[in-house]
Structure formats: C-alpha cells, structure tokens
N, C-alpha and C. Protein backbone atom coordinates (compact mmCIF):
# COMPACT_ATOMS: atom_id res chain seq x y z
N UNK A 1 1.89 0.05 3.60
CA UNK A 1 0.78 0.95 3.55
C UNK A 1 -0.48 0.16 3.86
N UNK A 2 -1.41 0.82 4.51
CA UNK A 2 -2.62 0.15 4.96
C UNK A 2 -3.86 0.86 4.42
N UNK A 3 -4.87 0.09 4.16
CA UNK A 3 -6.12 0.65 3.65
C UNK A 3 -6.89 1.39 4.74
N UNK A 4 -6.77 0.94 5.97
CA UNK A 4 -7.52 1.56 7.08
C UNK A 4 -6.60 2.40 7.96
N UNK A 5 -7.19 3.26 8.76
CA UNK A 5 -6.41 4.08 9.68
C UNK A 5 -5.79 3.21 10.77
N UNK A 6 -4.79 3.73 11.42
CA UNK A 6 -4.11 3.05 12.54
C UNK A 6 -3.56 1.69 12.14
N UNK A 7 -3.02 1.59 10.92
CA UNK A 7 -2.35 0.38 10.44
C UNK A 7 -3.27 -0.83 10.37
N UNK A 8 -4.50 -0.62 9.99
CA UNK A 8 -5.46 -1.71 9.94
C UNK A 8 -5.87 -2.08 8.53
N UNK A 9 -6.53 -3.20 8.44
CA UNK A 9 -7.08 -3.67 7.18
C UNK A 9 -6.03 -4.23 6.24
N UNK A 10 -6.40 -4.37 4.96
CA UNK A 10 -5.47 -4.89 3.97
C UNK A 10 -4.22 -4.01 3.89
N UNK A 11 -3.11 -4.61 3.47
CA UNK A 11 -1.84 -3.88 3.42
C UNK A 11 -1.11 -4.17 2.12
N UNK A 12 -0.08 -3.40 1.86
CA UNK A 12 0.84 -3.66 0.75
C UNK A 12 2.19 -3.07 1.13
N UNK A 13 3.24 -3.57 0.50
CA UNK A 13 4.59 -3.14 0.85
C UNK A 13 5.30 -2.57 -0.37
N UNK A 14 6.12 -1.60 -0.12
CA UNK A 14 7.00 -1.02 -1.12
C UNK A 14 8.41 -1.18 -0.59
N UNK A 15 9.21 -1.96 -1.26
CA UNK A 15 10.56 -2.25 -0.79
C UNK A 15 11.47 -1.03 -0.89
N UNK A 16 12.45 -1.01 -0.04
CA UNK A 16 13.43 0.07 -0.04
C UNK A 16 14.06 0.19 -1.42
N UNK A 17 14.10 1.40 -1.95
CA UNK A 17 14.69 1.65 -3.26
C UNK A 17 13.72 1.52 -4.42
N UNK A 18 12.52 0.97 -4.18
CA UNK A 18 11.51 0.84 -5.22
C UNK A 18 10.63 2.08 -5.25
N UNK A 19 9.92 2.26 -6.33
CA UNK A 19 8.97 3.37 -6.43
C UNK A 19 7.80 2.96 -7.32
N UNK A 20 6.69 3.61 -7.11
CA UNK A 20 5.51 3.42 -7.95
C UNK A 20 5.20 4.77 -8.57
N UNK A 21 5.13 4.82 -9.87
CA UNK A 21 4.93 6.08 -10.56
C UNK A 21 3.49 6.57 -10.56
N UNK A 22 2.55 5.66 -10.71
CA UNK A 22 1.16 6.07 -10.87
C UNK A 22 0.23 4.99 -10.36
N UNK A 23 -0.34 5.20 -9.18
CA UNK A 23 -1.27 4.22 -8.61
C UNK A 23 -2.57 4.14 -9.40
N UNK A 24 -2.83 5.13 -10.21
CA UNK A 24 -4.05 5.16 -11.01
C UNK A 24 -4.07 4.07 -12.09
N UNK A 25 -2.92 3.48 -12.39
CA UNK A 25 -2.86 2.43 -13.42
C UNK A 25 -3.52 1.14 -12.96
N UNK A 26 -3.69 0.96 -11.65
CA UNK A 26 -4.36 -0.23 -11.13
C UNK A 26 -3.48 -1.46 -11.01
N UNK A 27 -2.18 -1.28 -11.09
CA UNK A 27 -1.26 -2.41 -10.97
C UNK A 27 -1.06 -2.79 -9.51
N UNK A 28 -0.86 -1.79 -8.67
CA UNK A 28 -0.61 -2.05 -7.25
C UNK A 28 -1.93 -2.31 -6.53
N UNK A 29 -1.91 -3.36 -5.70
CA UNK A 29 -3.12 -3.74 -4.98
C UNK A 29 -2.78 -4.10 -3.54
N UNK A 30 -3.78 -3.99 -2.70
CA UNK A 30 -3.65 -4.40 -1.30
C UNK A 30 -3.68 -5.92 -1.19
N UNK A 31 -3.39 -6.43 -0.03
CA UNK A 31 -3.33 -7.87 0.21
C UNK A 31 -4.66 -8.58 -0.07
N UNK A 32 -5.76 -7.86 -0.05
CA UNK A 32 -7.05 -8.47 -0.35
C UNK A 32 -7.44 -8.36 -1.83
N UNK A 33 -6.53 -7.78 -2.65
CA UNK A 33 -6.78 -7.64 -4.07
C UNK A 33 -7.41 -6.33 -4.49
N UNK A 34 -7.79 -5.50 -3.53
CA UNK A 34 -8.42 -4.23 -3.87
C UNK A 34 -7.38 -3.23 -4.39
N UNK A 35 -7.81 -2.32 -5.24
CA UNK A 35 -6.93 -1.32 -5.83
C UNK A 35 -6.41 -0.34 -4.78
N UNK A 36 -5.17 0.11 -4.97
CA UNK A 36 -4.54 1.00 -4.01
C UNK A 36 -4.83 2.47 -4.26
N UNK A 37 -5.20 2.82 -5.47
CA UNK A 37 -5.38 4.22 -5.81
C UNK A 37 -6.40 4.91 -4.91
N UNK A 38 -5.98 6.00 -4.27
CA UNK A 38 -6.83 6.81 -3.38
C UNK A 38 -7.38 6.04 -2.19
N UNK A 39 -6.72 4.97 -1.77
CA UNK A 39 -7.23 4.14 -0.69
C UNK A 39 -6.26 4.01 0.49
N UNK A 40 -5.08 4.58 0.42
CA UNK A 40 -4.09 4.44 1.50
C UNK A 40 -4.46 5.39 2.64
N UNK A 41 -4.72 4.83 3.82
CA UNK A 41 -5.13 5.63 4.97
C UNK A 41 -4.07 5.73 6.05
N UNK A 42 -3.09 4.83 6.05
CA UNK A 42 -2.00 4.90 7.03
C UNK A 42 -0.79 4.17 6.48
N UNK A 43 0.36 4.48 7.05
CA UNK A 43 1.59 3.79 6.66
C UNK A 43 2.57 3.80 7.82
N UNK A 44 3.54 2.92 7.75
CA UNK A 44 4.64 2.93 8.70
C UNK A 44 5.87 2.34 8.04
N UNK A 45 7.01 2.81 8.48
CA UNK A 45 8.28 2.31 7.97
C UNK A 45 8.61 1.00 8.67
N UNK A 46 9.14 0.06 7.93
CA UNK A 46 9.49 -1.23 8.50
C UNK A 46 10.68 -1.81 7.76
N UNK A 47 11.42 -2.69 8.42
CA UNK A 47 12.54 -3.36 7.78
C UNK A 47 12.12 -4.64 7.07
N UNK A 48 10.87 -5.02 7.20
CA UNK A 48 10.38 -6.24 6.56
C UNK A 48 8.89 -6.07 6.24
N UNK A 49 8.39 -6.96 5.42
CA UNK A 49 6.98 -6.91 5.06
C UNK A 49 6.32 -8.21 5.49
C-alpha cells in the first residue's frame, strides 16, 4: 500500500494471509514512520515486498 497515488511515496506491505483489524490503533506505519490510518491512496498486489 502506498501513501501517494500511482504507487508513490512511502509504502507498507501486508503479507499474504495476514490481516490488520484496525488501522486507527496506530500500530501500522508507512516506510517513513507515518501512520497508515486514512492515508492509503493506492495499492497493488505483489509476490514480494
């Protein structure tokens, strides 16, 4: 998942079979350390991160 549109900016990965219940908790963060809640602007499926 990417913070910016068109797969740009900081990113984070969710592995196959994993799930995140509530991004509002502030546990999940982008590669630059910023919070993920309400900030995901694009995503793409991939076999690796």
